[in-house]
């Protein structure tokens, strides 16, 4: 693994960890001051993991992790050396 590949791998790992620390959270909001009146709707926000009072949207988080993993793998593959290691040292 060359230097560019290692850099891509570590950036990918850092992004995945950051996504785990600040996950998507579903919140229910109301347009009224009083409960039961007005319109309620759900939003997805990103919150610090220790500050989440409502549930983490695991499906969104998993999709994000898969996309970052695919991009990271593609970059690692794109930056691979074409020559074998024996020929590089000469």
PDB file of N, CA and C in Angstrom:
ATOM      1  N   UNK A   1       0.846  -1.170   0.000  1.00  0.00           N
ATOM      2  CA  UNK A   1       0.000   0.000   0.000  1.00  0.00           C
ATOM      3  C   UNK A   1       0.895   1.239   0.000  1.00  0.00           C
ATOM      4  N   UNK A   2       0.688   2.120  -0.972  1.00  0.00           N
ATOM      5  CA  UNK A   2       1.528   3.309  -1.047  1.00  0.00           C
ATOM      6  C   UNK A   2       0.961   4.444  -0.179  1.00  0.00           C
ATOM      7  N   UNK A   3       1.670   5.580  -0.225  1.00  0.00           N
ATOM      8  CA  UNK A   3       1.312   6.695   0.656  1.00  0.00           C
ATOM      9  C   UNK A   3      -0.073   7.268   0.364  1.00  0.00           C
ATOM     10  N   UNK A   4      -0.429   7.394  -0.907  1.00  0.00           N
ATOM     11  CA  UNK A   4      -1.738   7.943  -1.269  1.00  0.00           C
ATOM     12  C   UNK A   4      -2.862   7.014  -0.817  1.00  0.00           C
ATOM     13  N   UNK A   5      -2.644   5.722  -0.956  1.00  0.00           N
ATOM     14  CA  UNK A   5      -3.655   4.754  -0.529  1.00  0.00           C
ATOM     15  C   UNK A   5      -3.859   4.799   0.983  1.00  0.00           C
ATOM     16  N   UNK A   6      -2.759   4.878   1.718  1.00  0.00           N
ATOM     17  CA  UNK A   6      -2.871   4.961   3.173  1.00  0.00           C
ATOM     18  C   UNK A   6      -3.593   6.229   3.602  1.00  0.00           C
ATOM     19  N   UNK A   7      -3.301   7.337   2.915  1.00  0.00           N
ATOM     20  CA  UNK A   7      -3.971   8.598   3.228  1.00  0.00           C
ATOM     21  C   UNK A   7      -5.479   8.479   2.990  1.00  0.00           C
ATOM     22  N   UNK A   8      -5.861   7.898   1.853  1.00  0.00           N
ATOM     23  CA  UNK A   8      -7.292   7.708   1.548  1.00  0.00           C
ATOM     24  C   UNK A   8      -7.953   6.808   2.587  1.00  0.00           C
ATOM     25  N   UNK A   9      -7.267   5.745   2.991  1.00  0.00           N
ATOM     26  CA  UNK A   9      -7.821   4.835   3.987  1.00  0.00           C
ATOM     27  C   UNK A   9      -8.053   5.555   5.315  1.00  0.00           C
ATOM     28  N   UNK A  10      -7.080   6.330   5.772  1.00  0.00           N
ATOM     29  CA  UNK A  10      -7.217   7.010   7.058  1.00  0.00           C
ATOM     30  C   UNK A  10      -8.270   8.119   7.009  1.00  0.00           C
ATOM     31  N   UNK A  11      -8.379   8.807   5.873  1.00  0.00           N
ATOM     32  CA  UNK A  11      -9.432   9.823   5.741  1.00  0.00           C
ATOM     33  C   UNK A  11     -10.803   9.152   5.754  1.00  0.00           C
ATOM     34  N   UNK A  12     -10.935   8.020   5.053  1.00  0.00           N
ATOM     35  CA  UNK A  12     -12.194   7.280   5.060  1.00  0.00           C
ATOM     36  C   UNK A  12     -12.579   6.812   6.453  1.00  0.00           C
ATOM     37  N   UNK A  13     -11.598   6.304   7.200  1.00  0.00           N
ATOM     38  CA  UNK A  13     -11.856   5.864   8.578  1.00  0.00           C
ATOM     39  C   UNK A  13     -12.281   7.051   9.445  1.00  0.00           C
ATOM     40  N   UNK A  14     -11.604   8.193   9.276  1.00  0.00           N
ATOM     41  CA  UNK A  14     -11.942   9.382  10.068  1.00  0.00           C
ATOM     42  C   UNK A  14     -13.358   9.867   9.755  1.00  0.00           C
ATOM     43  N   UNK A  15     -13.753   9.821   8.487  1.00  0.00           N
ATOM     44  CA  UNK A  15     -15.098  10.268   8.105  1.00  0.00           C
ATOM     45  C   UNK A  15     -16.151   9.332   8.700  1.00  0.00           C
ATOM     46  N   UNK A  16     -15.889   8.024   8.666  1.00  0.00           N
ATOM     47  CA  UNK A  16     -16.836   7.061   9.225  1.00  0.00           C
ATOM     48  C   UNK A  16     -16.972   7.251  10.737  1.00  0.00           C
ATOM     49  N   UNK A  17     -15.862   7.486  11.413  1.00  0.00           N
ATOM     50  CA  UNK A  17     -15.917   7.729  12.863  1.00  0.00           C
ATOM     51  C   UNK A  17     -16.696   9.010  13.160  1.00  0.00           C
ATOM     52  N   UNK A  18     -16.450  10.058  12.372  1.00  0.00           N
ATOM     53  CA  UNK A  18     -17.182  11.312  12.559  1.00  0.00           C
ATOM     54  C   UNK A  18     -18.674  11.115  12.357  1.00  0.00           C
ATOM     55  N   UNK A  19     -19.048  10.317  11.363  1.00  0.00           N
ATOM     56  CA  UNK A  19     -20.469  10.033  11.141  1.00  0.00           C
ATOM     57  C   UNK A  19     -21.068   9.276  12.323  1.00  0.00           C
ATOM     58  N   UNK A  20     -20.269   8.443  12.976  1.00  0.00           N
ATOM     59  CA  UNK A  20     -20.755   7.728  14.143  1.00  0.00           C
ATOM     60  C   UNK A  20     -20.880   8.618  15.368  1.00  0.00           C
ATOM     61  N   UNK A  21     -20.022   9.622  15.456  1.00  0.00           N
ATOM     62  CA  UNK A  21     -20.060  10.541  16.591  1.00  0.00           C
ATOM     63  C   UNK A  21     -21.194  11.553  16.434  1.00  0.00           C
ATOM     64  N   UNK A  22     -21.507  11.922  15.190  1.00  0.00           N
ATOM     65  CA  UNK A  22     -22.583  12.873  14.916  1.00  0.00           C
ATOM     66  C   UNK A  22     -23.587  12.192  13.980  1.00  0.00           C
ATOM     67  N   UNK A  23     -24.416  11.288  14.514  1.00  0.00           N
ATOM     68  CA  UNK A  23     -25.342  10.523  13.667  1.00  0.00           C
ATOM     69  C   UNK A  23     -26.620  11.295  13.336  1.00  0.00           C
ATOM     70  N   UNK A  24     -27.350  10.808  12.317  1.00  0.00           N
ATOM     71  CA  UNK A  24     -28.653  11.408  12.024  1.00  0.00           C
ATOM     72  C   UNK A  24     -29.679  10.990  13.072  1.00  0.00           C
ATOM     73  N   UNK A  25     -30.465  11.956  13.540  1.00  0.00           N
ATOM     74  CA  UNK A  25     -31.452  11.731  14.591  1.00  0.00           C
ATOM     75  C   UNK A  25     -32.804  12.214  14.082  1.00  0.00           C
ATOM     76  N   UNK A  26     -33.844  11.417  14.320  1.00  0.00           N
ATOM     77  CA  UNK A  26     -35.191  11.813  13.911  1.00  0.00           C
ATOM     78  C   UNK A  26     -35.867  12.547  15.063  1.00  0.00           C
ATOM     79  N   UNK A  27     -36.386  13.726  14.769  1.00  0.00           N
ATOM     80  CA  UNK A  27     -37.081  14.514  15.778  1.00  0.00           C
ATOM     81  C   UNK A  27     -38.489  14.805  15.305  1.00  0.00           C
ATOM     82  N   UNK A  28     -39.415  14.830  16.239  1.00  0.00           N
ATOM     83  CA  UNK A  28     -40.795  15.171  15.941  1.00  0.00           C
ATOM     84  C   UNK A  28     -41.039  16.600  16.395  1.00  0.00           C
ATOM     85  N   UNK A  29     -41.571  17.396  15.496  1.00  0.00           N
ATOM     86  CA  UNK A  29     -41.838  18.795  15.809  1.00  0.00           C
ATOM     87  C   UNK A  29     -43.310  19.089  15.623  1.00  0.00           C
ATOM     88  N   UNK A  30     -43.767  20.092  16.320  1.00  0.00           N
ATOM     89  CA  UNK A  30     -45.164  20.498  16.232  1.00  0.00           C
ATOM     90  C   UNK A  30     -45.222  21.983  15.894  1.00  0.00           C
ATOM     91  N   UNK A  31     -46.247  22.362  15.151  1.00  0.00           N
ATOM     92  CA  UNK A  31     -46.418  23.770  14.813  1.00  0.00           C
ATOM     93  C   UNK A  31     -47.233  24.512  15.863  1.00  0.00           C
ATOM     94  N   UNK A  32     -47.678  23.786  16.880  1.00  0.00           N
ATOM     95  CA  UNK A  32     -48.505  24.388  17.910  1.00  0.00           C
ATOM     96  C   UNK A  32     -47.774  24.364  19.248  1.00  0.00           C
ATOM     97  N   UNK A  33     -48.138  25.284  20.113  1.00  0.00           N
ATOM     98  CA  UNK A  33     -47.565  25.319  21.460  1.00  0.00           C
ATOM     99  C   UNK A  33     -48.139  24.185  22.298  1.00  0.00           C
ATOM    100  N   UNK A  34     -49.403  23.875  22.085  1.00  0.00           N
ATOM    101  CA  UNK A  34     -50.087  22.859  22.863  1.00  0.00           C
ATOM    102  C   UNK A  34     -49.983  21.506  22.178  1.00  0.00           C
ATOM    103  N   UNK A  35     -49.825  20.467  22.970  1.00  0.00           N
ATOM    104  CA  UNK A  35     -49.740  19.112  22.407  1.00  0.00           C
ATOM    105  C   UNK A  35     -51.099  18.706  21.834  1.00  0.00           C
ATOM    106  N   UNK A  36     -51.060  17.984  20.732  1.00  0.00           N
ATOM    107  CA  UNK A  36     -52.282  17.479  20.139  1.00  0.00           C
ATOM    108  C   UNK A  36     -52.946  18.455  19.191  1.00  0.00           C
ATOM    109  N   UNK A  37     -52.509  19.664  19.201  1.00  0.00           N
ATOM    110  CA  UNK A  37     -53.093  20.649  18.284  1.00  0.00           C
ATOM    111  C   UNK A  37     -52.025  21.046  17.272  1.00  0.00           C
ATOM    112  N   UNK A  38     -52.481  21.452  16.143  1.00  0.00           N
ATOM    113  CA  UNK A  38     -51.526  21.866  15.125  1.00  0.00           C
ATOM    114  C   UNK A  38     -51.002  20.662  14.363  1.00  0.00           C
ATOM    115  N   UNK A  39     -50.033  20.893  13.564  1.00  0.00           N
ATOM    116  CA  UNK A  39     -49.494  19.858  12.689  1.00  0.00           C
ATOM    117  C   UNK A  39     -48.150  19.377  13.223  1.00  0.00           C
ATOM    118  N   UNK A  40     -47.950  18.075  13.231  1.00  0.00           N
ATOM    119  CA  UNK A  40     -46.663  17.520  13.639  1.00  0.00           C
ATOM    120  C   UNK A  40     -45.954  16.971  12.411  1.00  0.00           C
ATOM    121  N   UNK A  41     -44.665  17.089  12.412  1.00  0.00           N
ATOM    122  CA  UNK A  41     -43.871  16.547  11.318  1.00  0.00           C
ATOM    123  C   UNK A  41     -42.533  16.072  11.861  1.00  0.00           C
ATOM    124  N   UNK A  42     -41.909  15.172  11.110  1.00  0.00           N
ATOM    125  CA  UNK A  42     -40.641  14.590  11.539  1.00  0.00           C
ATOM    126  C   UNK A  42     -39.512  15.152  10.688  1.00  0.00           C
ATOM    127  N   UNK A  43     -38.423  15.462  11.348  1.00  0.00           N
ATOM    128  CA  UNK A  43     -37.239  15.953  10.649  1.00  0.00           C
ATOM    129  C   UNK A  43     -36.047  15.099  11.038  1.00  0.00           C
ATOM    130  N   UNK A  44     -35.056  15.116  10.188  1.00  0.00           N
ATOM    131  CA  UNK A  44     -33.805  14.421  10.496  1.00  0.00           C
ATOM    132  C   UNK A  44     -32.729  15.482  10.672  1.00  0.00           C
ATOM    133  N   UNK A  45     -32.088  15.420  11.818  1.00  0.00           N
ATOM    134  CA  UNK A  45     -31.019  16.352  12.147  1.00  0.00           C
ATOM    135  C   UNK A  45     -29.775  15.554  12.500  1.00  0.00           C
ATOM    136  N   UNK A  46     -28.660  16.234  12.549  1.00  0.00           N
ATOM    137  CA  UNK A  46     -27.418  15.601  12.975  1.00  0.00           C
ATOM    138  C   UNK A  46     -27.062  16.167  14.337  1.00  0.00           C
ATOM    139  N   UNK A  47     -26.897  15.266  15.305  1.00  0.00           N
ATOM    140  CA  UNK A  47     -26.606  15.663  16.682  1.00  0.00           C
ATOM    141  C   UNK A  47     -25.421  14.865  17.208  1.00  0.00           C
ATOM    142  N   UNK A  48     -24.740  15.454  18.185  1.00  0.00           N
ATOM    143  CA  UNK A  48     -23.679  14.748  18.880  1.00  0.00           C
ATOM    144  C   UNK A  48     -24.280  13.533  19.573  1.00  0.00           C
ATOM    145  N   UNK A  49     -23.587  12.426  19.562  1.00  0.00           N
ATOM    146  CA  UNK A  49     -24.145  11.144  20.026  1.00  0.00           C
ATOM    147  C   UNK A  49     -24.612  11.190  21.480  1.00  0.00           C
ATOM    148  N   UNK A  50     -23.937  11.942  22.337  1.00  0.00           N
ATOM    149  CA  UNK A  50     -24.344  12.016  23.738  1.00  0.00           C
ATOM    150  C   UNK A  50     -25.481  13.004  23.958  1.00  0.00           C
ATOM    151  N   UNK A  51     -25.825  13.773  22.931  1.00  0.00           N
ATOM    152  CA  UNK A  51     -26.886  14.773  23.040  1.00  0.00           C
ATOM    153  C   UNK A  51     -28.192  14.294  22.394  1.00  0.00           C
ATOM    154  N   UNK A  52     -28.240  13.053  21.963  1.00  0.00           N
ATOM    155  CA  UNK A  52     -29.441  12.563  21.284  1.00  0.00           C
ATOM    156  C   UNK A  52     -30.467  12.115  22.308  1.00  0.00           C
ATOM    157  N   UNK A  53     -31.635  12.732  22.254  1.00  0.00           N
ATOM    158  CA  UNK A  53     -32.725  12.349  23.147  1.00  0.00           C
ATOM    159  C   UNK A  53     -33.701  11.421  22.446  1.00  0.00           C
ATOM    160  N   UNK A  54     -33.677  11.461  21.126  1.00  0.00           N
ATOM    161  CA  UNK A  54     -34.552  10.581  20.365  1.00  0.00           C
ATOM    162  C   UNK A  54     -33.701   9.625  19.561  1.00  0.00           C
ATOM    163  N   UNK A  55     -34.354   8.745  18.817  1.00  0.00           N
ATOM    164  CA  UNK A  55     -33.663   7.651  18.178  1.00  0.00           C
ATOM    165  C   UNK A  55     -32.779   8.029  17.005  1.00  0.00           C
ATOM    166  N   UNK A  56     -31.687   7.320  16.908  1.00  0.00           N
ATOM    167  CA  UNK A  56     -30.774   7.457  15.777  1.00  0.00           C
ATOM    168  C   UNK A  56     -31.408   6.740  14.587  1.00  0.00           C
ATOM    169  N   UNK A  57     -31.322   7.339  13.424  1.00  0.00           N
ATOM    170  CA  UNK A  57     -31.853   6.736  12.208  1.00  0.00           C
ATOM    171  C   UNK A  57     -30.759   5.826  11.653  1.00  0.00           C
ATOM    172  N   UNK A  58     -30.818   4.560  12.068  1.00  0.00           N
ATOM    173  CA  UNK A  58     -29.758   3.599  11.756  1.00  0.00           C
ATOM    174  C   UNK A  58     -29.668   3.344  10.257  1.00  0.00           C
ATOM    175  N   UNK A  59     -30.792   3.306   9.562  1.00  0.00           N
ATOM    176  CA  UNK A  59     -30.747   3.026   8.119  1.00  0.00           C
ATOM    177  C   UNK A  59     -29.994   4.121   7.371  1.00  0.00           C
ATOM    178  N   UNK A  60     -30.218   5.374   7.727  1.00  0.00           N
ATOM    179  CA  UNK A  60     -29.478   6.469   7.089  1.00  0.00           C
ATOM    180  C   UNK A  60     -27.989   6.383   7.409  1.00  0.00           C
ATOM    181  N   UNK A  61     -27.676   6.071   8.646  1.00  0.00           N
ATOM    182  CA  UNK A  61     -26.286   5.972   9.056  1.00  0.00           C
ATOM    183  C   UNK A  61     -25.572   4.847   8.316  1.00  0.00           C
ATOM    184  N   UNK A  62     -26.233   3.709   8.163  1.00  0.00           N
ATOM    185  CA  UNK A  62     -25.624   2.598   7.441  1.00  0.00           C
ATOM    186  C   UNK A  62     -25.414   2.925   5.965  1.00  0.00           C
ATOM    187  N   UNK A  63     -26.364   3.613   5.354  1.00  0.00           N
ATOM    188  CA  UNK A  63     -26.200   4.019   3.954  1.00  0.00           C
ATOM    189  C   UNK A  63     -25.014   4.966   3.811  1.00  0.00           C
ATOM    190  N   UNK A  64     -24.875   5.895   4.736  1.00  0.00           N
ATOM    191  CA  UNK A  64     -23.737   6.816   4.705  1.00  0.00           C
ATOM    192  C   UNK A  64     -22.420   6.058   4.822  1.00  0.00           C
ATOM    193  N   UNK A  65     -22.352   5.103   5.755  1.00  0.00           N
ATOM    194  CA  UNK A  65     -21.132   4.322   5.934  1.00  0.00           C
ATOM    195  C   UNK A  65     -20.794   3.513   4.687  1.00  0.00           C
ATOM    196  N   UNK A  66     -21.810   2.926   4.059  1.00  0.00           N
ATOM    197  CA  UNK A  66     -21.568   2.126   2.845  1.00  0.00           C
ATOM    198  C   UNK A  66     -21.050   3.019   1.722  1.00  0.00           C
ATOM    199  N   UNK A  67     -21.645   4.187   1.545  1.00  0.00           N
ATOM    200  CA  UNK A  67     -21.200   5.095   0.479  1.00  0.00           C
ATOM    201  C   UNK A  67     -19.759   5.536   0.709  1.00  0.00           C
ATOM    202  N   UNK A  68     -19.419   5.904   1.923  1.00  0.00           N
ATOM    203  CA  UNK A  68     -18.041   6.320   2.224  1.00  0.00           C
ATOM    204  C   UNK A  68     -17.077   5.149   2.028  1.00  0.00           C
ATOM    205  N   UNK A  69     -17.473   3.944   2.402  1.00  0.00           N
ATOM    206  CA  UNK A  69     -16.624   2.774   2.214  1.00  0.00           C
ATOM    207  C   UNK A  69     -16.380   2.496   0.735  1.00  0.00           C
ATOM    208  N   UNK A  70     -17.416   2.623  -0.082  1.00  0.00           N
ATOM    209  CA  UNK A  70     -17.266   2.391  -1.529  1.00  0.00           C
ATOM    210  C   UNK A  70     -16.355   3.451  -2.149  1.00  0.00           C
ATOM    211  N   UNK A  71     -16.549   4.704  -1.773  1.00  0.00           N
ATOM    212  CA  UNK A  71     -15.700   5.777  -2.300  1.00  0.00           C
ATOM    213  C   UNK A  71     -14.256   5.580  -1.868  1.00  0.00           C
ATOM    214  N   UNK A  72     -14.050   5.222  -0.603  1.00  0.00           N
ATOM    215  CA  UNK A  72     -12.697   4.996  -0.102  1.00  0.00           C
ATOM    216  C   UNK A  72     -12.042   3.825  -0.828  1.00  0.00           C
ATOM    217  N   UNK A  73     -12.780   2.739  -0.999  1.00  0.00           N
ATOM    218  CA  UNK A  73     -12.242   1.595  -1.729  1.00  0.00           C
ATOM    219  C   UNK A  73     -11.907   1.940  -3.171  1.00  0.00           C
ATOM    220  N   UNK A  74     -12.769   2.734  -3.810  1.00  0.00           N
ATOM    221  CA  UNK A  74     -12.489   3.163  -5.180  1.00  0.00           C
ATOM    222  C   UNK A  74     -11.244   4.025  -5.279  1.00  0.00           C
ATOM    223  N   UNK A  75     -11.066   4.919  -4.315  1.00  0.00           N
ATOM    224  CA  UNK A  75      -9.863   5.752  -4.319  1.00  0.00           C
ATOM    225  C   UNK A  75      -8.606   4.931  -4.067  1.00  0.00           C
ATOM    226  N   UNK A  76      -8.703   3.980  -3.159  1.00  0.00           N
ATOM    227  CA  UNK A  76      -7.544   3.103  -2.904  1.00  0.00           C
ATOM    228  C   UNK A  76      -7.197   2.318  -4.162  1.00  0.00           C
ATOM    229  N   UNK A  77      -8.207   1.829  -4.857  1.00  0.00           N
ATOM    230  CA  UNK A  77      -7.970   1.095  -6.101  1.00  0.00           C
ATOM    231  C   UNK A  77      -7.403   2.019  -7.185  1.00  0.00           C
ATOM    232  N   UNK A  78      -7.900   3.247  -7.263  1.00  0.00           N
ATOM    233  CA  UNK A  78      -7.436   4.186  -8.284  1.00  0.00           C
ATOM    234  C   UNK A  78      -5.988   4.601  -8.074  1.00  0.00           C
ATOM    235  N   UNK A  79      -5.544   4.648  -6.837  1.00  0.00           N
ATOM    236  CA  UNK A  79      -4.178   5.071  -6.543  1.00  0.00           C
ATOM    237  C   UNK A  79      -3.191   3.919  -6.449  1.00  0.00           C
ATOM    238  N   UNK A  80      -3.588   2.719  -6.855  1.00  0.00           N
ATOM    239  CA  UNK A  80      -2.654   1.592  -6.768  1.00  0.00           C
ATOM    240  C   UNK A  80      -1.551   1.754  -7.810  1.00  0.00           C
ATOM    241  N   UNK A  81      -0.398   1.202  -7.486  1.00  0.00           N
ATOM    242  CA  UNK A  81       0.736   1.229  -8.405  1.00  0.00           C
ATOM    243  C   UNK A  81       0.566   0.127  -9.428  1.00  0.00           C
ATOM    244  N   UNK A  82       0.911   0.440 -10.681  1.00  0.00           N
ATOM    245  CA  UNK A  82       0.798  -0.558 -11.730  1.00  0.00           C
ATOM    246  C   UNK A  82       1.982  -1.528 -11.740  1.00  0.00           C
ATOM    247  N   UNK A  83       3.126  -1.069 -11.250  1.00  0.00           N
ATOM    248  CA  UNK A  83       4.328  -1.901 -11.271  1.00  0.00           C
ATOM    249  C   UNK A  83       4.395  -2.766 -10.010  1.00  0.00           C
ATOM    250  N   UNK A  84       4.910  -3.979 -10.143  1.00  0.00           N
ATOM    251  CA  UNK A  84       5.150  -4.787  -8.939  1.00  0.00           C
ATOM    252  C   UNK A  84       6.219  -4.159  -8.068  1.00  0.00           C
ATOM    253  N   UNK A  85       6.266  -4.508  -6.794  1.00  0.00           N
ATOM    254  CA  UNK A  85       7.227  -3.917  -5.857  1.00  0.00           C
ATOM    255  C   UNK A  85       8.668  -4.194  -6.234  1.00  0.00           C
ATOM    256  N   UNK A  86       8.949  -5.329  -6.848  1.00  0.00           N
ATOM    257  CA  UNK A  86      10.325  -5.671  -7.212  1.00  0.00           C
ATOM    258  C   UNK A  86      10.873  -4.684  -8.241  1.00  0.00           C
ATOM    259  N   UNK A  87      10.065  -4.248  -9.176  1.00  0.00           N
ATOM    260  CA  UNK A  87      10.503  -3.342 -10.212  1.00  0.00           C
ATOM    261  C   UNK A  87      10.606  -1.905  -9.700  1.00  0.00           C
ATOM    262  N   UNK A  88       9.895  -1.540  -8.675  1.00  0.00           N
ATOM    263  CA  UNK A  88       9.920  -0.181  -8.155  1.00  0.00           C
ATOM    264  C   UNK A  88      11.229   0.144  -7.446  1.00  0.00           C
ATOM    265  N   UNK A  89      11.839  -0.827  -6.816  1.00  0.00           N
ATOM    266  CA  UNK A  89      13.037  -0.591  -6.021  1.00  0.00           C
ATOM    267  C   UNK A  89      14.252  -0.339  -6.900  1.00  0.00           C
ATOM    268  N   UNK A  90      14.221  -0.746  -8.133  1.00  0.00           N
ATOM    269  CA  UNK A  90      15.393  -0.583  -9.004  1.00  0.00           C
ATOM    270  C   UNK A  90      15.542   0.803  -9.536  1.00  0.00           C
TER     271      UNK A  90
END
